[in-house]
Amino acid sequence: MIIDRAAFIRANTAICHPPHCPEIRLHLADDAVALWTLTEEELGRLGLDPPFWAFAWAGGQALARYLLDTPHCVRGKQVLDIASGSGIGAIAALLAGAASAIANDIDPFAADAARLNGALNGVSLSVLDGDVIGTPIEAEVVLVGDLFYDRDIATRLLAWLRQLRDRGMLVLVGDPRRSYFPASAFVPLAHYSIATSRDLEDSEIKQTSVWALSEKE
């Protein structure tokens, strides 16, 4: 079965402004439960991933807000947005003046969503499919939003991010202290109260920070 991913995204989302970064427009689910159910029914049998790309998660919004407010972090630099989902981090980086931005995700739907969302915002981003954690990359700034929700991922991710930091890359993480977020390894740079949906989160306001890796192990 051939799936027109871009058509599916357009048909099952609405163009919205995330509440904490209204400068950005994204194709987002206006009914989280309905889209999740639809995706499970239509795509689950094909072994495809849940539609994480259809939501502006708290960590991603925090990162986007931080980049828009402190553009010197990315201005003129090469940016890689890990587990990008909707592409919100890469888009914010480009709007803030990044020389280039790559939206990376393991879900091919996320790649199409990022392309569509980039076009909505008048920026041209690149996409990179697959799991890049632990692999060599070329970037000056690495963004990670809401990825410390799984123990195995968190362990691999932290070790890799430390390697990237030691190679001179700036690592910025947006995270509301998910279950496996190693707060002791990071220092907070900014804090935000992000409006979320109770369909997705355990509260309507998610206290979320942007973090940098500590220089001390």
Protein backbone atom coordinates (compact mmCIF):
# COMPACT_ATOMS: atom_id res chain seq x y z
CA MET A 1 0.00 0.00 0.00
CA ILE A 2 1.41 3.36 -1.08
CA ILE A 3 0.64 6.18 1.34
CA ASP A 4 0.69 9.81 0.28
CA ARG A 5 2.12 11.07 3.55
CA ALA A 6 1.87 14.76 2.70
CA ALA A 7 -1.79 14.37 1.71
CA PHE A 8 -2.51 12.47 4.94
CA ILE A 9 -0.91 15.22 6.99
CA ARG A 10 -2.85 17.97 5.24
CA ALA A 11 -6.14 16.07 5.54
CA ASN A 12 -5.82 15.28 9.25
CA THR A 13 -4.35 18.44 10.71
CA ALA A 14 -5.10 22.14 10.91
CA ILE A 15 -2.66 25.00 10.52
CA CYS A 16 -2.08 26.29 14.04
CA HIS A 17 0.16 28.63 16.01
CA PRO A 18 1.77 26.85 19.01
CA PRO A 19 0.79 28.86 22.10
CA HIS A 20 4.32 29.60 23.27
CA CYS A 21 5.73 30.51 19.86
CA PRO A 22 2.88 32.07 17.91
CA GLU A 23 5.34 33.35 15.30
CA ILE A 24 5.46 29.79 13.95
CA ARG A 25 2.74 28.00 11.97
CA LEU A 26 2.48 24.20 12.02
CA HIS A 27 0.25 21.43 10.72
CA LEU A 28 -1.04 20.14 14.07
CA ALA A 29 -3.81 17.84 15.23
CA ASP A 30 -6.74 19.90 16.46
CA ASP A 31 -8.24 16.73 17.96
CA ALA A 32 -5.42 14.69 19.46
CA VAL A 33 -7.45 11.61 20.31
CA ALA A 34 -9.16 11.46 16.92
CA LEU A 35 -5.91 11.63 14.95
CA TRP A 36 -4.17 9.12 17.20
CA THR A 37 -7.04 6.66 16.78
CA LEU A 38 -7.22 7.27 13.04
CA THR A 39 -3.51 6.71 12.69
CA GLU A 40 -3.64 3.49 14.71
CA GLU A 41 -6.51 2.18 12.60
CA GLU A 42 -5.19 3.17 9.17
CA LEU A 43 -1.44 2.92 9.66
CA GLY A 44 -0.92 0.67 12.67
CA ARG A 45 -1.30 -2.48 10.63
CA LEU A 46 1.64 -1.27 8.53
CA GLY A 47 3.84 -0.97 11.59
CA LEU A 48 4.16 2.80 11.38
CA ASP A 49 4.82 5.04 14.34
CA PRO A 50 2.27 7.07 16.34
CA PRO A 51 1.88 10.66 15.05
CA PHE A 52 4.24 12.44 17.43
CA TRP A 53 4.87 14.88 14.55
CA ALA A 54 1.31 16.23 14.85
CA PHE A 55 1.78 17.85 18.26
CA ALA A 56 3.80 20.79 19.55
CA TRP A 57 5.28 19.12 22.62
CA ALA A 58 6.36 21.24 25.58
CA GLY A 59 10.08 20.67 25.10
CA GLY A 60 9.95 21.61 21.44
CA GLN A 61 7.99 24.78 22.16
CA ALA A 62 10.45 25.77 24.87
CA LEU A 63 13.40 25.27 22.54
CA ALA A 64 11.70 27.26 19.79
CA ARG A 65 10.91 30.11 22.17
CA TYR A 66 14.48 30.16 23.44
CA LEU A 67 15.96 30.32 19.94
CA LEU A 68 13.61 33.07 18.84
CA ASP A 69 14.43 35.09 21.95
CA THR A 70 18.21 34.44 21.90
CA PRO A 71 19.01 34.18 18.18
CA HIS A 72 22.75 34.62 18.68
CA CYS A 73 22.86 30.94 19.75
CA VAL A 74 22.21 29.80 16.19
CA ARG A 75 22.77 32.81 13.94
CA GLY A 76 24.96 31.82 11.01
CA LYS A 77 25.42 28.27 12.31
CA GLN A 78 24.62 24.73 11.16
CA VAL A 79 21.85 23.24 13.31
CA LEU A 80 20.67 19.66 13.74
CA ASP A 81 17.28 19.07 15.40
CA ILE A 82 17.14 15.52 16.81
CA ALA A 83 13.76 13.71 16.98
CA SER A 84 12.38 16.83 15.36
CA GLY A 85 8.77 15.70 14.97
CA SER A 86 6.96 18.68 13.46
CA GLY A 87 10.27 20.37 12.75
CA ILE A 88 9.57 23.17 15.22
CA GLY A 89 13.15 23.41 16.48
CA ALA A 90 14.70 23.50 13.01
CA ILE A 91 12.14 26.07 11.87
CA ALA A 92 12.79 28.31 14.87
CA ALA A 93 16.53 28.06 14.25
CA LEU A 94 16.15 29.20 10.65
CA LEU A 95 13.82 32.02 11.64
CA ALA A 96 16.48 33.06 14.17
CA GLY A 97 19.12 33.24 11.44
CA ALA A 98 20.76 29.82 11.32
CA ALA A 99 22.76 29.18 8.17
CA SER A 100 21.13 25.76 7.79
CA ALA A 101 18.96 23.38 9.78
CA ILE A 102 18.32 19.66 9.49
CA ALA A 103 15.21 18.06 10.97
CA ASN A 104 15.99 14.48 11.99
CA ASP A 105 13.45 11.83 12.98
CA ILE A 106 12.99 8.08 12.75
CA ASP A 107 9.44 8.52 11.39
CA PRO A 108 9.14 9.23 7.64
CA PHE A 109 5.88 11.07 8.36
CA ALA A 110 7.85 13.52 10.48
CA ALA A 111 10.11 14.28 7.53
CA ASP A 112 7.10 15.19 5.39
CA ALA A 113 5.56 17.17 8.25
CA ALA A 114 8.79 19.11 8.72
CA ARG A 115 8.99 19.93 5.01
CA LEU A 116 5.38 21.11 4.94
CA ASN A 117 5.84 23.14 8.11
CA GLY A 118 9.04 24.69 6.82
CA ALA A 119 7.21 25.84 3.71
CA LEU A 120 4.43 27.31 5.88
CA ASN A 121 7.03 29.48 7.58
CA GLY A 122 8.95 30.46 4.49
CA VAL A 123 12.12 28.58 5.41
CA SER A 124 13.96 25.80 3.64
CA LEU A 125 15.10 23.01 5.92
CA SER A 126 16.67 19.66 5.18
CA VAL A 127 15.48 16.35 6.57
CA LEU A 128 17.39 13.31 7.73
CA ASP A 129 15.62 10.01 8.37
CA GLY A 130 16.73 7.41 10.88
CA ASP A 131 18.28 7.04 14.30
CA VAL A 132 21.46 9.13 14.39
CA ILE A 133 22.15 8.76 18.12
CA GLY A 134 25.69 7.48 18.54
CA THR A 135 26.76 8.27 14.99
CA PRO A 136 29.18 10.96 13.74
CA ILE A 137 27.39 14.15 12.71
CA GLU A 138 28.36 17.53 11.33
CA ALA A 139 26.71 20.43 13.15
CA GLU A 140 27.53 23.41 15.31
CA VAL A 141 24.32 23.36 17.36
CA VAL A 142 22.32 20.26 18.33
CA LEU A 143 18.72 20.57 19.53
CA VAL A 144 16.85 17.88 21.47
CA GLY A 145 13.23 18.29 22.54
CA ASP A 146 11.28 15.85 24.71
CA LEU A 147 13.39 12.79 24.07
CA PHE A 148 14.17 11.63 27.62
CA TYR A 149 10.93 9.67 28.04
CA ASP A 150 12.47 6.22 27.53
CA ARG A 151 15.21 4.68 29.68
CA ASP A 152 17.19 3.06 26.87
CA ILE A 153 17.01 6.13 24.64
CA ALA A 154 17.99 8.39 27.53
CA THR A 155 21.12 6.38 28.34
CA ARG A 156 22.31 6.33 24.73
CA LEU A 157 21.37 9.94 24.17
CA LEU A 158 23.19 11.38 27.17
CA ALA A 159 26.44 9.58 26.35
CA TRP A 160 26.27 10.80 22.75
CA LEU A 161 25.42 14.38 23.65
CA ARG A 162 28.44 14.48 25.95
CA GLN A 163 30.61 13.37 23.04
CA LEU A 164 29.18 16.12 20.85
CA ARG A 165 29.74 18.71 23.57
CA ASP A 166 33.35 17.56 23.95
CA ARG A 167 33.78 18.07 20.18
CA GLY A 168 32.75 21.70 20.61
CA MET A 169 29.08 21.55 19.65
CA LEU A 170 26.47 23.55 21.53
CA VAL A 171 23.83 21.14 22.85
CA LEU A 172 20.44 22.60 23.81
CA VAL A 173 17.71 20.42 25.33
CA GLY A 174 14.07 21.33 25.86
CA ASP A 175 12.56 19.10 28.50
CA PRO A 176 9.87 19.29 31.22
CA ARG A 177 11.77 16.74 33.32
CA ARG A 178 10.45 13.66 31.56
CA SER A 179 10.76 10.36 33.38
CA TYR A 180 14.40 9.70 32.47
CA PHE A 181 15.72 13.24 32.14
CA PRO A 182 19.08 13.36 33.99
CA ALA A 183 18.71 16.83 35.50
CA SER A 184 21.99 16.56 37.41
CA ALA A 185 23.86 16.43 34.09
CA PHE A 186 22.40 19.74 32.88
CA VAL A 187 22.17 23.39 33.83
CA PRO A 188 18.98 25.37 33.14
CA LEU A 189 19.14 28.31 30.75
CA ALA A 190 15.49 29.41 30.67
CA HIS A 191 12.16 28.36 32.12
CA TYR A 192 8.69 28.48 30.56
CA SER A 193 5.13 27.60 31.49
CA ILE A 194 3.85 25.85 28.36
CA ALA A 195 0.13 25.43 27.68
CA THR A 196 -0.57 21.81 26.70
CA SER A 197 -3.49 19.47 26.18
CA ARG A 198 -4.75 17.09 28.86
CA ASP A 199 -5.18 14.58 26.03
CA LEU A 200 -1.39 14.46 25.82
CA GLU A 201 -0.02 15.54 29.19
CA ASP A 202 -0.80 15.21 32.89
CA SER A 203 -1.52 18.94 33.28
CA GLU A 204 -2.74 21.87 31.22
CA ILE A 205 0.44 23.82 31.98
CA LYS A 206 3.78 22.05 31.69
CA GLN A 207 6.72 23.63 33.48
CA THR A 208 9.52 23.27 30.96
CA SER A 209 13.13 24.39 30.76
CA VAL A 210 15.81 24.73 28.15
CA TRP A 211 19.00 23.12 29.37
CA ALA A 212 22.68 22.96 28.46
CA LEU A 213 24.99 20.11 29.38
CA SER A 214 27.06 20.76 32.48
CA GLU A 215 30.79 20.99 31.94
CA LYS A 216 31.28 18.70 34.94
CA GLU A 217 30.60 14.97 34.71
